[in-house]
N, C-alpha and C. Protein backbone atom coordinates (compact mmCIF):
# COMPACT_ATOMS: atom_id res chain seq x y z
N MET A 1 6.61 -101.37 11.36
CA MET A 1 6.82 -100.77 10.61
C MET A 1 5.16 -100.09 10.17
N LYS A 2 3.95 -100.79 10.45
CA LYS A 2 2.78 -99.88 10.48
C LYS A 2 2.41 -99.17 11.74
N LYS A 3 3.17 -99.41 12.75
CA LYS A 3 3.16 -98.43 14.16
C LYS A 3 3.95 -97.12 13.67
N VAL A 4 4.65 -97.21 13.22
CA VAL A 4 5.67 -95.75 12.65
C VAL A 4 4.62 -95.00 11.87
N THR A 5 3.86 -96.06 10.91
CA THR A 5 3.16 -94.78 9.84
C THR A 5 1.88 -94.27 10.70
N SER A 6 1.24 -95.27 11.30
CA SER A 6 -0.01 -94.66 11.81
C SER A 6 0.64 -93.82 12.94
N LEU A 7 1.39 -94.05 13.73
CA LEU A 7 1.69 -92.67 14.46
C LEU A 7 2.21 -91.62 13.83
N ALA A 8 3.09 -91.17 12.67
CA ALA A 8 3.20 -90.54 11.68
C ALA A 8 2.38 -89.56 11.55
N LEU A 9 1.12 -90.67 10.79
CA LEU A 9 -0.09 -90.33 10.86
C LEU A 9 -0.97 -89.37 11.54
N CYS A 10 -1.08 -89.75 13.06
CA CYS A 10 -1.80 -89.23 13.74
C CYS A 10 -1.12 -88.04 14.36
N THR A 11 -0.13 -87.93 14.07
CA THR A 11 0.54 -86.96 14.60
C THR A 11 0.53 -85.42 13.67
N ALA A 12 0.70 -85.90 12.30
CA ALA A 12 0.62 -84.87 11.37
C ALA A 12 -1.14 -84.39 11.17
N LEU A 13 -2.12 -85.46 11.68
CA LEU A 13 -3.43 -85.29 11.58
C LEU A 13 -3.89 -84.15 12.74
N LEU A 14 -3.02 -84.32 14.07
CA LEU A 14 -3.38 -83.61 15.22
C LEU A 14 -2.76 -82.00 15.00
N VAL A 15 -1.93 -82.15 14.18
CA VAL A 15 -1.24 -80.45 14.32
C VAL A 15 -1.67 -79.88 13.32
N ALA A 16 -2.52 -80.94 11.74
CA ALA A 16 -3.62 -80.32 11.03
C ALA A 16 -4.92 -79.05 11.83
N LEU A 17 -4.90 -80.25 12.59
CA LEU A 17 -6.60 -79.88 13.47
C LEU A 17 -6.02 -79.22 14.46
N GLY A 18 -5.27 -79.15 15.22
CA GLY A 18 -4.96 -78.02 16.00
C GLY A 18 -4.46 -76.61 15.46
N ALA A 19 -3.91 -76.35 14.15
CA ALA A 19 -3.42 -75.15 13.97
C ALA A 19 -4.82 -73.92 13.56
N PRO A 20 -5.46 -74.36 13.45
CA PRO A 20 -6.78 -73.21 13.11
C PRO A 20 -7.26 -73.07 14.49
N LEU A 21 -7.28 -74.16 15.22
CA LEU A 21 -7.76 -73.78 16.80
C LEU A 21 -6.87 -72.69 17.54
N HIS A 22 -5.56 -73.19 17.25
CA HIS A 22 -4.63 -72.00 18.18
C HIS A 22 -4.31 -70.72 17.34
N ALA A 23 -4.79 -70.62 16.04
CA ALA A 23 -4.79 -69.52 15.71
C ALA A 23 -5.97 -68.67 15.78
N LYS A 24 -7.46 -69.10 15.92
CA LYS A 24 -8.51 -68.82 16.59
C LYS A 24 -8.39 -68.12 17.97
N SER A 25 -7.66 -68.98 19.05
CA SER A 25 -7.55 -68.63 20.32
C SER A 25 -6.63 -67.39 20.53
N THR A 26 -5.51 -67.53 20.08
CA THR A 26 -4.96 -65.78 20.48
C THR A 26 -5.52 -64.69 19.88
N PRO A 27 -6.28 -63.92 20.60
CA PRO A 27 -6.71 -62.52 20.29
C PRO A 27 -5.98 -61.64 19.83
N LYS A 28 -6.18 -61.05 18.73
CA LYS A 28 -5.35 -60.06 18.15
C LYS A 28 -5.47 -58.55 18.75
N LYS A 29 -4.29 -58.00 18.64
CA LYS A 29 -4.25 -56.40 19.34
C LYS A 29 -5.06 -55.81 18.62
N GLY A 30 -5.73 -54.98 19.90
CA GLY A 30 -6.75 -53.77 19.32
C GLY A 30 -5.66 -52.45 19.28
N PHE A 31 -6.86 -51.53 18.74
CA PHE A 31 -5.69 -49.78 18.64
C PHE A 31 -5.29 -49.69 19.86
N GLU A 32 -6.31 -49.46 20.99
CA GLU A 32 -6.58 -49.34 21.92
C GLU A 32 -4.94 -49.78 23.12
N THR A 33 -5.10 -51.02 22.84
CA THR A 33 -3.65 -51.84 23.76
C THR A 33 -2.58 -50.97 23.18
N THR A 34 -2.48 -51.62 21.62
CA THR A 34 -1.38 -50.81 20.81
C THR A 34 -0.87 -49.35 21.33
N LYS A 35 -1.92 -48.11 21.41
CA LYS A 35 -1.92 -47.16 21.99
C LYS A 35 -1.05 -47.05 22.99
N LYS A 36 -2.44 -47.77 24.23
CA LYS A 36 -0.90 -47.71 25.70
C LYS A 36 0.26 -48.27 25.72
N GLU A 37 0.70 -49.47 24.92
CA GLU A 37 1.89 -49.92 25.07
C GLU A 37 2.93 -48.75 24.28
N GLN A 38 2.41 -48.59 23.56
CA GLN A 38 3.15 -47.25 23.01
C GLN A 38 3.51 -45.72 24.06
N ILE A 39 2.22 -45.70 24.50
CA ILE A 39 2.65 -44.22 25.32
C ILE A 39 3.03 -45.23 26.58
N ARG A 40 3.09 -46.21 26.86
CA ARG A 40 4.18 -46.86 28.24
C ARG A 40 5.58 -46.54 27.69
N LYS A 41 6.04 -47.25 26.24
CA LYS A 41 7.23 -47.15 26.42
C LYS A 41 7.63 -46.06 25.92
N LEU A 42 7.03 -44.95 25.62
CA LEU A 42 7.46 -43.25 25.45
C LEU A 42 7.77 -43.09 26.63
N GLU A 43 7.02 -42.90 27.61
CA GLU A 43 6.61 -42.59 28.43
C GLU A 43 8.37 -43.17 29.81
N THR A 44 8.72 -44.33 29.59
CA THR A 44 9.58 -44.56 30.28
C THR A 44 11.13 -44.60 29.73
N ARG A 45 10.69 -43.97 28.53
CA ARG A 45 12.06 -43.46 27.84
C ARG A 45 12.15 -41.63 27.83
N MET A 46 11.21 -41.08 28.36
CA MET A 46 11.15 -39.95 28.57
C MET A 46 11.76 -40.01 30.15
N GLU A 47 11.03 -41.15 31.20
CA GLU A 47 11.71 -40.92 32.43
C GLU A 47 13.36 -41.20 32.43
N ARG A 48 13.78 -41.99 31.51
CA ARG A 48 14.89 -42.19 31.45
C ARG A 48 16.01 -40.86 31.08
N ILE A 49 15.59 -40.14 29.62
CA ILE A 49 15.95 -39.09 29.68
C ILE A 49 16.33 -38.15 31.01
N GLN A 50 15.00 -38.10 31.06
CA GLN A 50 15.44 -37.03 32.45
C GLN A 50 16.57 -37.48 33.65
N LYS A 51 16.16 -38.50 33.82
CA LYS A 51 17.34 -39.23 34.69
C LYS A 51 18.54 -38.56 34.16
N ARG A 52 19.01 -39.16 33.08
CA ARG A 52 20.08 -38.80 32.59
C ARG A 52 20.79 -37.01 32.27
N LEU A 53 19.88 -36.29 32.46
CA LEU A 53 19.56 -35.49 32.39
C LEU A 53 20.15 -34.56 33.56
N ALA A 54 19.43 -35.06 34.61
CA ALA A 54 19.95 -34.47 35.86
C ALA A 54 21.32 -35.32 36.29
N CYS A 55 21.71 -36.15 35.68
CA CYS A 55 23.00 -37.08 36.17
C CYS A 55 23.61 -36.45 35.40
N VAL A 56 23.72 -35.41 34.33
CA VAL A 56 24.69 -34.58 33.37
C VAL A 56 24.93 -33.67 33.99
N LYS A 57 23.92 -32.67 34.72
CA LYS A 57 23.72 -31.95 35.11
C LYS A 57 24.86 -31.93 36.34
N LYS A 58 24.57 -32.48 36.86
CA LYS A 58 25.42 -33.12 38.63
C LYS A 58 26.81 -33.30 38.41
N ALA A 59 27.16 -34.07 36.93
CA ALA A 59 28.36 -34.09 36.69
C ALA A 59 29.44 -33.13 37.03
N GLN A 60 30.73 -33.68 37.66
CA GLN A 60 32.06 -33.00 37.81
C GLN A 60 33.24 -33.12 37.16
N SER A 61 33.16 -34.36 36.42
CA SER A 61 34.18 -34.62 35.60
C SER A 61 33.86 -35.73 34.28
N SER A 62 34.60 -36.09 33.24
CA SER A 62 34.19 -36.76 32.33
C SER A 62 33.97 -37.99 32.64
N ALA A 63 34.47 -38.75 33.80
CA ALA A 63 34.29 -40.03 34.23
C ALA A 63 33.05 -40.19 34.79
N GLU A 64 32.46 -39.32 35.14
CA GLU A 64 30.73 -39.24 35.66
C GLU A 64 30.51 -39.21 34.39
N LEU A 65 30.76 -38.31 33.41
CA LEU A 65 29.26 -38.25 32.10
C LEU A 65 29.63 -39.65 31.52
N LYS A 66 30.42 -39.88 31.99
CA LYS A 66 30.50 -41.89 31.13
C LYS A 66 29.64 -42.49 32.40
N GLU A 67 29.54 -42.56 33.28
CA GLU A 67 28.83 -43.65 34.22
C GLU A 67 27.42 -42.68 33.90
N CYS A 68 27.08 -42.10 33.56
CA CYS A 68 25.56 -41.48 33.26
C CYS A 68 25.55 -42.06 31.94
N SER A 69 26.20 -42.10 31.10
CA SER A 69 26.06 -43.22 29.96
C SER A 69 25.45 -44.27 29.91
N LYS A 70 26.40 -44.59 30.99
CA LYS A 70 26.53 -46.33 31.14
C LYS A 70 25.06 -46.59 31.96
N LYS A 71 24.98 -45.82 33.30
CA LYS A 71 23.18 -45.83 33.93
C LYS A 71 22.35 -45.68 33.39
N TYR A 72 22.58 -45.02 32.41
CA TYR A 72 20.94 -44.46 31.76
C TYR A 72 21.37 -44.45 29.89
N PRO A 73 21.35 -45.71 29.60
CA PRO A 73 21.24 -45.33 28.57
C PRO A 73 20.13 -44.72 27.47
N LEU A 74 20.00 -44.32 26.26
CA LEU A 74 19.20 -44.04 25.48
C LEU A 74 18.51 -44.78 24.65
N VAL A 75 19.38 -45.69 24.18
CA VAL A 75 19.17 -46.95 23.54
C VAL A 75 19.17 -48.29 23.91
N LYS A 76 18.32 -48.91 23.67
CA LYS A 76 18.22 -50.33 24.48
C LYS A 76 19.49 -51.29 24.10
N ARG A 77 20.67 -51.90 24.91
CA ARG A 77 21.61 -52.60 24.33
C ARG A 77 21.47 -54.02 24.23
N LYS A 78 21.31 -54.51 23.06
CA LYS A 78 21.76 -55.87 23.65
C LYS A 78 22.68 -56.86 23.96
N ARG A 79 22.76 -57.88 24.80
CA ARG A 79 23.76 -58.36 24.99
C ARG A 79 24.15 -59.35 24.19
N LEU A 80 25.46 -59.17 23.68
CA LEU A 80 25.49 -60.82 22.57
C LEU A 80 26.40 -61.94 23.37
N LYS A 81 25.91 -62.96 22.79
CA LYS A 81 26.12 -64.16 23.31
C LYS A 81 27.73 -64.44 22.87
N LYS A 82 28.18 -64.93 24.09
CA LYS A 82 29.61 -65.39 23.59
C LYS A 82 29.63 -66.31 22.27
N LYS A 83 30.80 -66.33 21.46
CA LYS A 83 30.88 -67.52 20.89
C LYS A 83 31.63 -68.28 20.87
N LYS A 84 31.73 -70.08 20.86
CA LYS A 84 33.01 -70.75 21.43
C LYS A 84 33.42 -71.45 20.59
């Protein structure tokens, strides 16, 4: 019983001491990095829109239009997990 209590106490102590160290070690994102990330994401969206536009212009039938929308979606789709 003493071993279990001492083990729990040691674990709690290590977690309490380790939390501030972990919080200090993770750097916060600055303005420049946030700005670069947003620019990169928007440029990626712009490229996808341009590809979809070219695909739609080339399309000859409604089936090809559907294929364009599947190939180049404007909104990122999340895949849902099947529930058992």
